[in-house]
Amino acid sequence: MAAAPPPLPEGQNLYRPPLETLAGPPGSLIWFDEGTPIGGARAWRTLGRTTNRNGSARWLTARVFRPAGEAPEGGYPVAVWMHGTAGLADKCAPSRTAAPVPGVSNLLQAGFVVVAPDGAGLGVPGPAAYLVGDSQGHAVLDAARGATQVPGADAAARVALWGYSSGGQAVLFAAAQADEYAPELTVLGTAAVAPVSDVARFAGRATAFPVSFGFGFMTFSAWARVYGADPSTIFTEEALAERPVLETMCGDRIATHFALTPVDRIRAADPETTPPWPALLAANEAGTAPTTGPVLLVQGSDDPIIDPASTDELAERLCGLDTTVELRPVAGAGHEVVLPVTPEIVAWLADRSLGVPPASTCSS
């Protein structure tokens, strides 16, 4: 058994670790920092290791919450919550901003250790891998691995995954990667709410409209750093001059930053047809490989950010891969559907941990 990781050393910054701390297997913890209990639940911030899409070592930060009381035999199952679009700047990492984790109290009451990782590359040195499916999936699985090493957390290797919006893409990739990348984990099921599954439809088409251009700007600016692609093939000089806002603003402000700018002043070409972007868009489409465990998809019918048709098509792809899928449309709901459906998501995850057979809306 590996030695327990040490607490955050005095004088060290959890988010700016020395380079030598990267040495170690993915999923292993480097440091942990225990904070003030939340309603009787213990809480930590952690620094661990993950890998990017090429297998290179990267840091990963997360928050971990443990239910109050004595742990069950074998430990608590783990619920991983993966957040939606936070931005590309390190200061926007949810563990830094103490962003709320939907349903954390419900999950703790249901007997889960809750793990809330920051997105791959977010909060720590290295480019934020926004909507880079392979890297984000690794981060989800390595966060679950790391939770099992937090002293006193009593976390087991039985894992339920829950992601929202861009985090939905992350957990879907994680569920597809789990058998090969983290075979020691048992994935109980994956819930994806308003997921970014068709990145071309989400980010590619976003660049055609000022009101949504910010989402495409975040995506392709992140990919320019991760993949080494040239953003000047699709963005004008005026748009490229705005790249500093990616280091000063978080996702909610960037999303609306270009809303009043005529699109012909910021968009030079269509990323859906301009190489190398179509190949990158295809590589980051979710639901193209079988997942480990069942999948729950929840989608608002009036979502202005995620086209409901893309979630319908995701369900069809996964059903065609023999995944057990339940698609739950929510009539009249927009993109913030995650908040009202939180209790039913927690109930679905709890059923998976109890071994209740999942429902399926697949036609065969």
Protein backbone atom coordinates (compact mmCIF):
# COMPACT_ATOMS: atom_id res chain seq x y z
CA MET A 1 0.00 0.00 0.00
CA ALA A 2 1.32 3.45 -0.92
CA ALA A 3 2.29 5.79 1.88
CA ALA A 4 -0.33 8.37 2.85
CA PRO A 5 0.29 11.80 1.31
CA PRO A 6 1.52 14.54 3.64
CA PRO A 7 -0.53 17.60 4.61
CA LEU A 8 0.20 20.83 2.74
CA PRO A 9 3.67 21.86 3.99
CA GLU A 10 3.91 25.17 5.79
CA GLY A 11 4.86 27.94 3.37
CA GLN A 12 3.79 26.00 0.28
CA ASN A 13 1.02 27.07 -2.10
CA LEU A 14 -1.36 24.26 -3.06
CA TYR A 15 -1.83 25.89 -6.48
CA ARG A 16 1.84 26.59 -7.23
CA PRO A 17 3.69 23.40 -6.35
CA PRO A 18 7.37 22.76 -7.13
CA LEU A 19 7.94 21.03 -10.46
CA GLU A 20 9.49 17.98 -8.82
CA THR A 21 6.14 17.11 -7.22
CA LEU A 22 4.83 16.02 -10.62
CA ALA A 23 6.82 12.78 -10.43
CA GLY A 24 4.46 9.96 -9.51
CA PRO A 25 1.63 7.86 -10.93
CA PRO A 26 -1.60 9.46 -12.16
CA GLY A 27 -4.26 9.59 -9.49
CA SER A 28 -1.76 9.78 -6.64
CA LEU A 29 -2.07 12.58 -4.12
CA ILE A 30 0.72 15.04 -3.40
CA TRP A 31 -0.75 17.14 -0.58
CA PHE A 32 -4.03 17.69 1.21
CA ASP A 33 -5.28 20.62 3.25
CA GLU A 34 -8.18 20.10 5.68
CA GLY A 35 -10.57 23.00 6.13
CA THR A 36 -13.47 23.91 8.37
CA PRO A 37 -16.15 21.20 8.62
CA ILE A 38 -19.36 21.93 6.73
CA GLY A 39 -22.40 20.94 8.75
CA GLY A 40 -20.46 18.14 10.42
CA ALA A 41 -18.90 16.95 7.18
CA ARG A 42 -15.12 17.04 6.95
CA ALA A 43 -13.71 18.99 4.00
CA TRP A 44 -10.34 19.04 2.26
CA ARG A 45 -8.58 20.61 -0.71
CA THR A 46 -6.23 18.25 -2.49
CA LEU A 47 -3.37 18.43 -4.96
CA GLY A 48 -2.81 15.32 -7.02
CA ARG A 49 -1.49 14.10 -10.32
CA THR A 50 -3.24 13.41 -13.58
CA THR A 51 -2.25 13.11 -17.23
CA ASN A 52 -3.16 15.10 -20.30
CA ARG A 53 -4.33 13.70 -23.62
CA ASN A 54 -0.74 12.68 -24.51
CA GLY A 55 -0.06 11.01 -21.18
CA SER A 56 2.16 13.80 -19.83
CA ALA A 57 1.94 14.47 -16.09
CA ARG A 58 -0.16 17.39 -14.89
CA TRP A 59 -1.33 18.67 -11.51
CA LEU A 60 -4.96 18.38 -10.45
CA THR A 61 -6.72 20.19 -7.61
CA ALA A 62 -10.02 19.17 -6.05
CA ARG A 63 -12.28 19.43 -3.02
CA VAL A 64 -13.32 16.38 -1.00
CA PHE A 65 -16.22 16.15 1.48
CA ARG A 66 -16.85 13.25 3.88
CA PRO A 67 -20.15 12.49 5.63
CA ALA A 68 -20.26 12.82 9.40
CA GLY A 69 -20.29 9.63 11.45
CA GLU A 70 -18.77 6.19 11.18
CA ALA A 71 -17.97 4.92 7.71
CA PRO A 72 -19.64 1.74 6.45
CA GLU A 73 -17.61 -1.42 6.05
CA GLY A 74 -15.45 -1.03 2.96
CA GLY A 75 -15.79 2.75 2.94
CA TYR A 76 -18.13 5.25 1.34
CA PRO A 77 -18.90 5.22 -2.36
CA VAL A 78 -17.60 8.31 -4.14
CA ALA A 79 -19.64 10.81 -6.14
CA VAL A 80 -17.57 12.98 -8.47
CA TRP A 81 -19.13 16.32 -9.41
CA MET A 82 -17.64 17.97 -12.52
CA HIS A 83 -18.53 21.62 -12.91
CA GLY A 84 -19.60 23.48 -16.03
CA THR A 85 -17.79 26.33 -17.78
CA ALA A 86 -15.67 28.20 -15.24
CA GLY A 87 -13.25 29.95 -17.59
CA LEU A 88 -9.60 29.48 -18.48
CA ALA A 89 -7.92 31.63 -15.81
CA ASP A 90 -6.48 29.84 -12.79
CA LYS A 91 -8.34 32.17 -10.44
CA CYS A 92 -11.63 30.76 -11.79
CA ALA A 93 -11.01 27.22 -10.50
CA PRO A 94 -14.03 26.28 -8.37
CA SER A 95 -11.84 25.09 -5.49
CA ARG A 96 -10.34 28.60 -5.39
CA THR A 97 -13.65 30.43 -5.56
CA ALA A 98 -15.46 28.02 -3.20
CA ALA A 99 -18.10 27.58 -5.89
CA PRO A 100 -21.13 25.64 -4.66
CA VAL A 101 -21.43 21.93 -5.38
CA PRO A 102 -25.08 21.24 -6.27
CA GLY A 103 -26.67 18.74 -3.95
CA VAL A 104 -23.58 18.28 -1.77
CA SER A 105 -25.71 17.98 1.38
CA ASN A 106 -28.02 15.50 -0.34
CA LEU A 107 -25.06 13.44 -1.53
CA LEU A 108 -23.49 13.39 1.92
CA GLN A 109 -26.80 12.34 3.46
CA ALA A 110 -27.03 9.59 0.85
CA GLY A 111 -23.69 8.27 2.10
CA PHE A 112 -21.29 9.49 -0.59
CA VAL A 113 -17.87 10.99 -0.23
CA VAL A 114 -18.15 13.93 -2.62
CA VAL A 115 -15.23 14.89 -4.86
CA ALA A 116 -15.31 18.15 -6.85
CA PRO A 117 -12.26 18.43 -9.11
CA ASP A 118 -11.24 21.55 -10.94
CA GLY A 119 -11.17 21.13 -14.70
CA ALA A 120 -8.02 19.70 -16.25
CA GLY A 121 -5.27 22.33 -16.15
CA LEU A 122 -7.44 24.81 -14.27
CA GLY A 123 -6.12 26.47 -11.12
CA VAL A 124 -2.57 25.15 -11.46
CA PRO A 125 0.31 25.79 -13.91
CA GLY A 126 -0.38 24.48 -17.39
CA PRO A 127 -3.01 25.34 -19.99
CA ALA A 128 -6.65 24.80 -19.09
CA ALA A 129 -7.85 21.91 -21.26
CA TYR A 130 -11.40 23.23 -21.66
CA LEU A 131 -13.53 20.71 -23.59
CA VAL A 132 -10.52 18.50 -24.33
CA GLY A 133 -12.33 15.26 -23.68
CA ASP A 134 -9.38 12.95 -23.03
CA SER A 135 -7.75 15.30 -20.50
CA GLN A 136 -11.03 16.10 -18.77
CA GLY A 137 -11.95 12.43 -18.47
CA HIS A 138 -8.58 11.65 -16.93
CA ALA A 139 -9.09 14.46 -14.41
CA VAL A 140 -12.45 13.02 -13.32
CA LEU A 141 -11.03 9.55 -12.78
CA ASP A 142 -7.84 10.77 -11.09
CA ALA A 143 -9.87 12.92 -8.72
CA ALA A 144 -11.79 9.81 -7.67
CA ARG A 145 -8.52 7.92 -7.22
CA GLY A 146 -7.12 10.75 -5.15
CA ALA A 147 -10.12 10.78 -2.80
CA THR A 148 -9.35 7.21 -1.76
CA GLN A 149 -5.97 8.42 -0.45
CA VAL A 150 -7.17 11.30 1.74
CA PRO A 151 -6.49 10.23 5.35
CA GLY A 152 -9.78 9.97 7.20
CA ALA A 153 -12.03 10.30 4.15
CA ASP A 154 -12.81 6.56 4.08
CA ALA A 155 -13.50 6.71 0.34
CA ALA A 156 -13.93 3.48 -1.58
CA ALA A 157 -13.13 2.74 -5.22
CA ARG A 158 -16.84 2.58 -6.13
CA VAL A 159 -17.53 5.74 -8.10
CA ALA A 160 -20.58 7.55 -9.44
CA LEU A 161 -20.03 10.39 -11.92
CA TRP A 162 -22.07 13.57 -12.31
CA GLY A 163 -21.30 16.41 -14.70
CA TYR A 164 -23.04 19.51 -15.97
CA SER A 165 -22.63 21.27 -19.33
CA SER A 166 -18.89 21.07 -20.18
CA GLY A 167 -18.60 18.83 -17.12
CA GLY A 168 -21.08 16.51 -18.81
CA GLN A 169 -18.57 15.96 -21.59
CA ALA A 170 -15.90 15.26 -18.95
CA VAL A 171 -17.83 12.54 -17.13
CA LEU A 172 -18.94 10.89 -20.38
CA PHE A 173 -15.32 10.67 -21.50
CA ALA A 174 -14.37 9.35 -18.05
CA ALA A 175 -17.00 6.63 -18.24
CA ALA A 176 -15.62 5.57 -21.62
CA GLN A 177 -12.00 5.63 -20.42
CA ALA A 178 -12.46 3.98 -17.03
CA ASP A 179 -11.84 0.33 -17.92
CA GLU A 180 -8.50 1.09 -19.52
CA TYR A 181 -7.31 4.17 -17.64
CA ALA A 182 -8.48 3.38 -14.09
CA PRO A 183 -9.40 -0.32 -13.95
CA GLU A 184 -9.23 -0.35 -10.14
CA LEU A 185 -12.31 1.89 -10.02
CA THR A 186 -15.83 0.50 -10.27
CA VAL A 187 -17.96 3.04 -12.13
CA LEU A 188 -21.51 2.73 -10.83
CA GLY A 189 -23.11 5.10 -13.32
CA THR A 190 -22.84 8.47 -15.00
CA ALA A 191 -25.30 11.35 -14.91
CA ALA A 192 -24.79 14.10 -17.50
CA VAL A 193 -27.01 17.19 -17.28
CA ALA A 194 -27.27 19.44 -20.36
CA PRO A 195 -23.97 17.98 -21.57
CA VAL A 196 -21.71 19.43 -24.23
CA SER A 197 -21.60 16.32 -26.38
CA ASP A 198 -21.48 17.73 -29.92
CA VAL A 199 -18.70 20.30 -29.52
CA ALA A 200 -19.07 21.41 -33.14
CA ARG A 201 -22.69 22.31 -32.53
CA PHE A 202 -21.82 24.01 -29.23
CA ALA A 203 -18.57 25.87 -29.89
CA GLY A 204 -18.36 25.86 -33.68
CA ARG A 205 -21.78 27.36 -34.24
CA ALA A 206 -21.34 29.70 -31.26
CA THR A 207 -18.80 31.70 -33.24
CA ALA A 208 -21.46 32.68 -35.78
CA PHE A 209 -23.39 34.81 -33.28
CA PRO A 210 -22.11 37.65 -31.07
CA VAL A 211 -24.28 36.59 -28.13
CA SER A 212 -22.63 33.13 -28.00
CA PHE A 213 -19.24 33.94 -29.52
CA GLY A 214 -17.56 33.91 -26.09
CA PHE A 215 -18.09 30.15 -25.73
CA GLY A 216 -16.34 29.51 -29.02
CA PHE A 217 -13.61 31.98 -28.14
CA MET A 218 -12.90 30.12 -24.88
CA THR A 219 -12.95 26.73 -26.57
CA PHE A 220 -10.71 27.48 -29.53
CA SER A 221 -8.34 29.68 -27.52
CA ALA A 222 -7.86 26.78 -25.09
CA TRP A 223 -7.37 24.34 -27.97
CA ALA A 224 -4.84 26.66 -29.59
CA ARG A 225 -2.62 26.16 -26.54
CA VAL A 226 -3.37 22.48 -26.00
CA TYR A 227 -3.11 21.36 -29.63
CA GLY A 228 -0.83 24.08 -31.00
CA ALA A 229 -3.46 25.11 -33.56
CA ASP A 230 -3.44 28.61 -35.05
CA PRO A 231 -6.47 30.64 -33.91
CA SER A 232 -5.85 33.31 -36.56
CA THR A 233 -7.36 30.90 -39.09
CA ILE A 234 -10.80 31.50 -37.55
CA PHE A 235 -10.54 34.70 -35.47
CA THR A 236 -9.84 38.24 -36.67
CA GLU A 237 -7.06 40.42 -35.30
CA GLU A 238 -9.69 42.34 -33.34
CA ALA A 239 -10.83 39.15 -31.63
CA LEU A 240 -7.28 37.94 -31.00
CA ALA A 241 -6.48 41.26 -29.35
CA GLU A 242 -9.06 40.30 -26.73
CA ARG A 243 -7.20 37.18 -25.58
CA PRO A 244 -5.94 38.87 -22.37
CA VAL A 245 -9.52 38.78 -21.03
CA LEU A 246 -9.15 35.00 -20.81
CA GLU A 247 -6.61 35.55 -18.02
CA THR A 248 -8.66 38.15 -16.17
CA MET A 249 -12.31 37.11 -16.57
CA CYS A 250 -14.16 33.94 -15.65
CA GLY A 251 -16.56 32.05 -17.87
CA ASP A 252 -19.78 33.90 -17.12
CA ARG A 253 -18.26 37.23 -18.16
CA ILE A 254 -16.41 35.89 -21.19
CA ALA A 255 -19.61 34.24 -22.42
CA THR A 256 -21.21 37.66 -22.87
CA HIS A 257 -18.08 39.70 -23.61
CA PHE A 258 -18.69 39.89 -27.38
CA ALA A 259 -22.48 40.14 -27.27
CA LEU A 260 -22.59 43.63 -28.81
CA THR A 261 -19.75 43.15 -31.33
CA PRO A 262 -20.71 42.52 -34.98
CA VAL A 263 -19.63 38.98 -35.78
CA ASP A 264 -17.81 39.97 -38.97
CA ARG A 265 -15.38 41.96 -36.84
CA ILE A 266 -14.36 38.94 -34.75
CA ARG A 267 -14.93 35.80 -36.86
CA ALA A 268 -12.59 35.21 -39.80
CA ALA A 269 -13.78 31.75 -40.87
CA ASP A 270 -16.05 28.88 -39.87
CA PRO A 271 -14.22 26.48 -37.50
CA GLU A 272 -16.49 23.64 -38.63
CA THR A 273 -14.95 23.78 -42.12
CA THR A 274 -11.49 25.31 -41.56
CA PRO A 275 -8.64 22.86 -40.81
CA PRO A 276 -7.46 21.70 -38.34
CA TRP A 277 -10.56 22.52 -36.31
CA PRO A 278 -13.03 19.98 -37.80
CA ALA A 279 -10.77 17.07 -36.82
CA LEU A 280 -10.38 18.47 -33.30
CA LEU A 281 -14.12 18.98 -32.98
CA ALA A 282 -14.72 15.36 -34.00
CA ALA A 283 -12.07 14.06 -31.57
CA ASN A 284 -13.82 15.74 -28.66
CA GLU A 285 -17.35 14.57 -29.41
CA ALA A 286 -18.76 12.61 -26.47
CA GLY A 287 -20.58 9.32 -26.73
CA THR A 288 -18.55 7.72 -29.50
CA ALA A 289 -17.30 4.81 -27.37
CA PRO A 290 -19.04 2.43 -24.95
CA THR A 291 -19.22 3.55 -21.33
CA THR A 292 -18.69 1.61 -18.14
CA GLY A 293 -22.02 1.49 -16.33
CA PRO A 294 -25.39 3.07 -17.16
CA VAL A 295 -25.92 6.68 -18.20
CA LEU A 296 -28.60 9.19 -17.23
CA LEU A 297 -29.05 12.17 -19.56
CA VAL A 298 -31.11 15.16 -18.43
CA GLN A 299 -31.86 17.97 -20.88
CA GLY A 300 -34.07 21.05 -20.76
CA SER A 301 -36.29 21.44 -23.81
CA ASP A 302 -35.73 25.21 -23.99
CA ASP A 303 -31.98 25.27 -23.43
CA PRO A 304 -30.48 28.19 -25.42
CA ILE A 305 -26.89 26.98 -24.96
CA ILE A 306 -27.10 23.21 -25.52
CA ASP A 307 -29.27 22.19 -28.46
CA PRO A 308 -31.66 19.56 -27.06
CA ALA A 309 -31.33 17.67 -30.34
CA SER A 310 -27.65 17.08 -29.59
CA THR A 311 -28.57 15.29 -26.35
CA ASP A 312 -31.20 13.22 -28.17
CA GLU A 313 -28.54 12.19 -30.68
CA LEU A 314 -26.09 11.43 -27.86
CA ALA A 315 -28.62 9.06 -26.35
CA GLU A 316 -29.06 7.33 -29.71
CA ARG A 317 -25.29 6.91 -30.13
CA LEU A 318 -24.86 5.44 -26.67
CA CYS A 319 -27.84 3.12 -27.08
CA GLY A 320 -26.27 1.92 -30.32
CA LEU A 321 -23.12 1.08 -28.32
CA ASP A 322 -25.15 -1.14 -25.96
CA THR A 323 -25.00 1.35 -23.11
CA THR A 324 -28.01 1.42 -20.80
CA VAL A 325 -29.31 4.97 -21.24
CA GLU A 326 -32.18 6.84 -19.64
CA LEU A 327 -33.00 10.14 -21.35
CA ARG A 328 -35.06 12.54 -19.23
CA PRO A 329 -36.24 15.64 -21.10
CA VAL A 330 -37.41 18.47 -18.86
CA ALA A 331 -40.20 20.43 -20.56
CA GLY A 332 -39.76 24.19 -20.50
CA ALA A 333 -36.39 24.11 -18.74
CA GLY A 334 -33.38 26.12 -19.86
CA HIS A 335 -29.68 25.59 -19.30
CA GLU A 336 -29.91 26.00 -15.52
CA VAL A 337 -31.91 22.77 -15.36
CA VAL A 338 -29.20 21.29 -13.10
CA LEU A 339 -30.54 23.07 -10.02
CA PRO A 340 -34.16 21.88 -10.04
CA VAL A 341 -33.23 18.31 -11.00
CA THR A 342 -30.51 17.91 -8.36
CA PRO A 343 -32.65 15.80 -5.97
CA GLU A 344 -33.54 13.31 -8.69
CA ILE A 345 -29.91 13.12 -9.84
CA VAL A 346 -28.83 12.30 -6.29
CA ALA A 347 -31.57 9.69 -6.04
CA TRP A 348 -30.42 8.11 -9.32
CA LEU A 349 -26.80 8.00 -8.14
CA ALA A 350 -27.87 6.54 -4.78
CA ASP A 351 -29.82 3.81 -6.56
CA ARG A 352 -26.72 2.91 -8.54
CA SER A 353 -24.69 2.60 -5.34
CA LEU A 354 -27.38 0.31 -3.90
CA GLY A 355 -27.44 -1.93 -6.97
CA VAL A 356 -30.96 -0.99 -8.09
CA PRO A 357 -31.31 -1.89 -11.80
CA PRO A 358 -31.34 1.26 -13.97
CA ALA A 359 -34.19 2.20 -16.27
CA SER A 360 -33.60 2.48 -20.00
CA THR A 361 -35.23 4.56 -22.72
CA CYS A 362 -33.31 2.80 -25.51
CA SER A 363 -35.67 1.40 -28.10
CA SER A 364 -34.22 -2.10 -28.03
